[in-house]
Amino acid sequence: MKFFAKIKKKIKWFWIRKYGEPYRFEWLSESDTRGVSVGQELEVHHLTFHDMAWHACCFRLTKEVILNDLDADAIRIVGYLRWTGHCSGVTTFQPCKIETE
């Protein structure tokens, strides 16, 4: 049964990646204390055009949520590096879970 659940997750991820939109995550600032870190920091390479970091981070975290059952609903940016002379960069972010009272 575990095999079929894994296949179902991969099909869902393929469908979202090919035809859908990433899940919506709340963005937290470094000083925001609402989010509790979940899992390890993730890194994503992306173009540096308008809104591309947001889009790339949301897709990367959507993949982790679907395939690895990561319980995250927010993103905290940890670092950003733009490659000189290129229109690309690397964003490092921490998946977070916002605790509700």
N, C-alpha and C. Protein backbone atom coordinates (compact mmCIF):
# COMPACT_ATOMS: atom_id res chain seq x y z
N MET A 1 0.81 -1.19 0.00
CA MET A 1 0.00 0.00 0.00
C MET A 1 0.86 1.26 0.00
N LYS A 2 2.01 1.19 0.64
CA LYS A 2 2.91 2.33 0.71
C LYS A 2 3.41 2.71 -0.69
N PHE A 3 3.60 1.72 -1.54
CA PHE A 3 4.06 1.94 -2.90
C PHE A 3 3.07 2.80 -3.68
N PHE A 4 1.79 2.49 -3.56
CA PHE A 4 0.76 3.23 -4.30
C PHE A 4 0.61 4.66 -3.78
N ALA A 5 0.80 4.85 -2.49
CA ALA A 5 0.73 6.20 -1.93
C ALA A 5 1.88 7.05 -2.49
N LYS A 6 3.04 6.45 -2.63
CA LYS A 6 4.19 7.15 -3.17
C LYS A 6 3.96 7.52 -4.65
N ILE A 7 3.41 6.61 -5.40
CA ILE A 7 3.10 6.88 -6.81
C ILE A 7 2.06 7.99 -6.93
N LYS A 8 1.05 7.95 -6.06
CA LYS A 8 0.00 8.97 -6.07
C LYS A 8 0.59 10.36 -5.80
N LYS A 9 1.54 10.45 -4.85
CA LYS A 9 2.20 11.72 -4.54
C LYS A 9 2.99 12.22 -5.74
N LYS A 10 3.69 11.32 -6.42
CA LYS A 10 4.49 11.73 -7.57
C LYS A 10 3.62 12.20 -8.72
N ILE A 11 2.48 11.56 -8.92
CA ILE A 11 1.55 12.00 -9.96
C ILE A 11 0.98 13.37 -9.60
N LYS A 12 0.64 13.58 -8.35
CA LYS A 12 0.12 14.89 -7.91
C LYS A 12 1.16 15.97 -8.13
N TRP A 13 2.42 15.70 -7.77
CA TRP A 13 3.49 16.68 -7.96
C TRP A 13 3.69 16.97 -9.45
N PHE A 14 3.67 15.94 -10.29
CA PHE A 14 3.81 16.13 -11.72
C PHE A 14 2.70 17.03 -12.26
N TRP A 15 1.47 16.77 -11.84
CA TRP A 15 0.33 17.54 -12.32
C TRP A 15 0.43 19.01 -11.91
N ILE A 16 0.80 19.27 -10.66
CA ILE A 16 0.94 20.65 -10.19
C ILE A 16 2.08 21.35 -10.93
N ARG A 17 3.18 20.65 -11.09
CA ARG A 17 4.34 21.25 -11.75
C ARG A 17 4.04 21.56 -13.22
N LYS A 18 3.31 20.69 -13.89
CA LYS A 18 3.05 20.84 -15.32
C LYS A 18 1.88 21.78 -15.61
N TYR A 19 0.80 21.67 -14.85
CA TYR A 19 -0.43 22.38 -15.21
C TYR A 19 -0.95 23.33 -14.14
N GLY A 20 -0.44 23.25 -12.95
CA GLY A 20 -1.05 24.00 -11.86
C GLY A 20 -0.22 25.14 -11.32
N GLU A 21 -0.62 25.59 -10.18
CA GLU A 21 0.04 26.66 -9.45
C GLU A 21 0.62 26.07 -8.17
N PRO A 22 1.71 26.67 -7.65
CA PRO A 22 2.23 26.18 -6.37
C PRO A 22 1.27 26.54 -5.24
N TYR A 23 1.42 25.87 -4.11
CA TYR A 23 0.64 26.22 -2.94
C TYR A 23 1.01 27.64 -2.51
N ARG A 24 0.12 28.28 -1.80
CA ARG A 24 0.37 29.63 -1.30
C ARG A 24 0.94 29.55 0.11
N PHE A 25 2.07 30.18 0.31
CA PHE A 25 2.72 30.19 1.62
C PHE A 25 2.85 31.62 2.10
N GLU A 26 2.74 31.80 3.40
CA GLU A 26 2.92 33.13 3.98
C GLU A 26 4.42 33.42 4.09
N TRP A 27 4.79 34.66 3.83
CA TRP A 27 6.19 35.08 3.92
C TRP A 27 6.43 35.72 5.28
N LEU A 28 7.46 35.26 5.96
CA LEU A 28 7.81 35.79 7.28
C LEU A 28 9.13 36.53 7.19
N SER A 29 9.22 37.63 7.91
CA SER A 29 10.50 38.35 7.96
C SER A 29 11.40 37.66 8.99
N GLU A 30 12.66 38.04 8.98
CA GLU A 30 13.60 37.43 9.92
C GLU A 30 13.25 37.76 11.36
N SER A 31 12.63 38.90 11.59
CA SER A 31 12.29 39.29 12.96
C SER A 31 10.92 38.77 13.40
N ASP A 32 10.18 38.16 12.50
CA ASP A 32 8.85 37.64 12.83
C ASP A 32 9.00 36.39 13.69
N THR A 33 8.36 36.39 14.86
CA THR A 33 8.51 35.27 15.80
C THR A 33 7.36 34.26 15.72
N ARG A 34 6.45 34.45 14.77
CA ARG A 34 5.30 33.55 14.68
C ARG A 34 5.66 32.16 14.18
N GLY A 35 6.62 32.05 13.30
CA GLY A 35 6.92 30.78 12.66
C GLY A 35 7.91 29.93 13.43
N VAL A 36 7.65 28.63 13.46
CA VAL A 36 8.57 27.65 14.05
C VAL A 36 9.22 26.90 12.90
N SER A 37 10.54 26.79 12.92
CA SER A 37 11.26 26.12 11.84
C SER A 37 10.83 24.66 11.72
N VAL A 38 10.65 24.24 10.47
CA VAL A 38 10.26 22.86 10.18
C VAL A 38 11.25 22.33 9.15
N GLY A 39 11.92 21.25 9.46
CA GLY A 39 12.86 20.67 8.50
C GLY A 39 14.12 21.51 8.36
N GLN A 40 14.83 21.22 7.29
CA GLN A 40 16.09 21.91 7.07
C GLN A 40 15.92 23.04 6.07
N GLU A 41 16.92 23.91 6.00
CA GLU A 41 16.89 25.01 5.05
C GLU A 41 16.94 24.46 3.64
N LEU A 42 16.23 25.11 2.73
CA LEU A 42 16.19 24.71 1.33
C LEU A 42 16.79 25.81 0.48
N GLU A 43 17.32 25.43 -0.66
CA GLU A 43 17.96 26.37 -1.56
C GLU A 43 17.34 26.22 -2.94
N VAL A 44 17.13 27.34 -3.61
CA VAL A 44 16.55 27.30 -4.95
C VAL A 44 17.29 28.27 -5.86
N HIS A 45 17.60 27.83 -7.07
CA HIS A 45 18.24 28.66 -8.09
C HIS A 45 17.13 29.20 -8.99
N HIS A 46 17.19 30.48 -9.33
CA HIS A 46 16.10 31.07 -10.10
C HIS A 46 16.59 32.29 -10.85
N LEU A 47 15.77 32.75 -11.80
CA LEU A 47 16.03 34.01 -12.48
C LEU A 47 15.73 35.15 -11.51
N THR A 48 16.36 36.29 -11.72
CA THR A 48 16.18 37.41 -10.80
C THR A 48 15.18 38.44 -11.31
N PHE A 49 14.34 38.05 -12.24
CA PHE A 49 13.31 38.96 -12.72
C PHE A 49 12.24 39.14 -11.65
N HIS A 50 11.31 40.05 -11.90
CA HIS A 50 10.25 40.38 -10.95
C HIS A 50 9.50 39.13 -10.49
N ASP A 51 9.41 38.93 -9.20
CA ASP A 51 8.62 37.87 -8.57
C ASP A 51 9.13 36.45 -8.79
N MET A 52 10.28 36.27 -9.36
CA MET A 52 10.77 34.91 -9.64
C MET A 52 11.23 34.20 -8.38
N ALA A 53 11.78 34.92 -7.41
CA ALA A 53 12.21 34.28 -6.17
C ALA A 53 11.00 33.72 -5.44
N TRP A 54 9.92 34.50 -5.38
CA TRP A 54 8.69 34.04 -4.73
C TRP A 54 8.18 32.78 -5.40
N HIS A 55 8.11 32.81 -6.72
CA HIS A 55 7.58 31.68 -7.48
C HIS A 55 8.44 30.43 -7.29
N ALA A 56 9.75 30.59 -7.38
CA ALA A 56 10.67 29.46 -7.24
C ALA A 56 10.61 28.86 -5.83
N CYS A 57 10.57 29.71 -4.80
CA CYS A 57 10.50 29.22 -3.42
C CYS A 57 9.20 28.48 -3.16
N CYS A 58 8.10 29.02 -3.65
CA CYS A 58 6.80 28.36 -3.45
C CYS A 58 6.75 27.01 -4.15
N PHE A 59 7.28 26.91 -5.37
CA PHE A 59 7.30 25.63 -6.06
C PHE A 59 8.20 24.63 -5.34
N ARG A 60 9.35 25.08 -4.85
CA ARG A 60 10.27 24.17 -4.14
C ARG A 60 9.64 23.65 -2.85
N LEU A 61 8.97 24.52 -2.12
CA LEU A 61 8.33 24.10 -0.88
C LEU A 61 7.10 23.25 -1.15
N THR A 62 6.38 23.54 -2.22
CA THR A 62 5.25 22.70 -2.61
C THR A 62 5.72 21.27 -2.87
N LYS A 63 6.85 21.14 -3.53
CA LYS A 63 7.42 19.82 -3.80
C LYS A 63 7.73 19.08 -2.49
N GLU A 64 8.33 19.78 -1.54
CA GLU A 64 8.65 19.16 -0.25
C GLU A 64 7.38 18.77 0.52
N VAL A 65 6.36 19.61 0.46
CA VAL A 65 5.11 19.33 1.17
C VAL A 65 4.44 18.10 0.58
N ILE A 66 4.43 17.98 -0.74
CA ILE A 66 3.75 16.85 -1.39
C ILE A 66 4.55 15.57 -1.27
N LEU A 67 5.81 15.59 -1.66
CA LEU A 67 6.59 14.36 -1.74
C LEU A 67 7.13 13.88 -0.40
N ASN A 68 7.47 14.80 0.50
CA ASN A 68 8.10 14.42 1.77
C ASN A 68 7.23 14.69 2.98
N ASP A 69 5.96 15.02 2.78
CA ASP A 69 5.00 15.27 3.86
C ASP A 69 5.50 16.30 4.87
N LEU A 70 6.15 17.35 4.38
CA LEU A 70 6.63 18.42 5.24
C LEU A 70 5.44 19.28 5.66
N ASP A 71 5.29 19.51 6.95
CA ASP A 71 4.17 20.27 7.48
C ASP A 71 4.57 21.74 7.61
N ALA A 72 4.55 22.45 6.49
CA ALA A 72 4.96 23.86 6.48
C ALA A 72 3.88 24.70 5.81
N ASP A 73 3.72 25.92 6.31
CA ASP A 73 2.77 26.83 5.69
C ASP A 73 3.31 28.26 5.58
N ALA A 74 4.62 28.41 5.79
CA ALA A 74 5.24 29.73 5.70
C ALA A 74 6.70 29.59 5.27
N ILE A 75 7.23 30.69 4.75
CA ILE A 75 8.61 30.72 4.26
C ILE A 75 9.33 31.89 4.93
N ARG A 76 10.52 31.61 5.45
CA ARG A 76 11.38 32.67 6.00
C ARG A 76 12.67 32.69 5.17
N ILE A 77 12.92 33.81 4.50
CA ILE A 77 14.12 33.93 3.67
C ILE A 77 15.33 34.05 4.59
N VAL A 78 16.34 33.22 4.33
CA VAL A 78 17.56 33.22 5.14
C VAL A 78 18.68 33.95 4.42
N GLY A 79 18.78 33.73 3.11
CA GLY A 79 19.86 34.37 2.37
C GLY A 79 19.55 34.46 0.89
N TYR A 80 20.25 35.38 0.23
CA TYR A 80 20.07 35.60 -1.20
C TYR A 80 21.41 35.95 -1.80
N LEU A 81 21.72 35.36 -2.95
CA LEU A 81 22.97 35.65 -3.64
C LEU A 81 22.66 35.82 -5.12
N ARG A 82 23.05 36.95 -5.66
CA ARG A 82 22.87 37.19 -7.10
C ARG A 82 24.22 37.02 -7.78
N TRP A 83 24.23 36.24 -8.84
CA TRP A 83 25.47 36.02 -9.57
C TRP A 83 25.77 37.22 -10.43
N THR A 84 26.96 37.74 -10.33
CA THR A 84 27.37 38.93 -11.05
C THR A 84 27.40 38.64 -12.55
N GLY A 85 26.79 39.55 -13.31
CA GLY A 85 26.80 39.42 -14.76
C GLY A 85 25.74 38.49 -15.32
N HIS A 86 24.95 37.89 -14.46
CA HIS A 86 23.91 36.97 -14.91
C HIS A 86 22.56 37.44 -14.37
N CYS A 87 21.51 36.98 -14.97
CA CYS A 87 20.16 37.29 -14.49
C CYS A 87 19.64 36.14 -13.65
N SER A 88 20.50 35.60 -12.80
CA SER A 88 20.08 34.49 -11.95
C SER A 88 20.67 34.64 -10.56
N GLY A 89 20.07 33.93 -9.63
CA GLY A 89 20.52 34.00 -8.26
C GLY A 89 20.11 32.77 -7.48
N VAL A 90 20.49 32.74 -6.22
CA VAL A 90 20.18 31.63 -5.33
C VAL A 90 19.53 32.20 -4.08
N THR A 91 18.39 31.65 -3.71
CA THR A 91 17.71 32.05 -2.48
C THR A 91 17.69 30.87 -1.53
N THR A 92 18.09 31.09 -0.29
CA THR A 92 18.04 30.08 0.75
C THR A 92 16.90 30.46 1.69
N PHE A 93 16.03 29.49 1.99
CA PHE A 93 14.89 29.79 2.85
C PHE A 93 14.64 28.66 3.83
N GLN A 94 13.98 29.01 4.92
CA GLN A 94 13.62 28.07 5.98
C GLN A 94 12.12 27.84 5.95
N PRO A 95 11.67 26.59 5.74
CA PRO A 95 10.24 26.31 5.85
C PRO A 95 9.79 26.45 7.30
N CYS A 96 8.64 27.05 7.52
CA CYS A 96 8.13 27.28 8.87
C CYS A 96 6.69 26.86 8.99
N LYS A 97 6.30 26.61 10.20
CA LYS A 97 4.90 26.32 10.54
C LYS A 97 4.43 27.40 11.49
N ILE A 98 3.33 28.07 11.14
CA ILE A 98 2.78 29.10 11.99
C ILE A 98 1.84 28.43 12.98
N GLU A 99 2.16 28.59 14.24
CA GLU A 99 1.34 27.97 15.28
C GLU A 99 0.11 28.81 15.54
N THR A 100 -1.04 28.16 15.56
CA THR A 100 -2.28 28.85 15.85
C THR A 100 -2.65 28.63 17.30
N GLU A 101 -3.21 29.62 17.90
CA GLU A 101 -3.55 29.54 19.32
C GLU A 101 -4.98 29.08 19.49
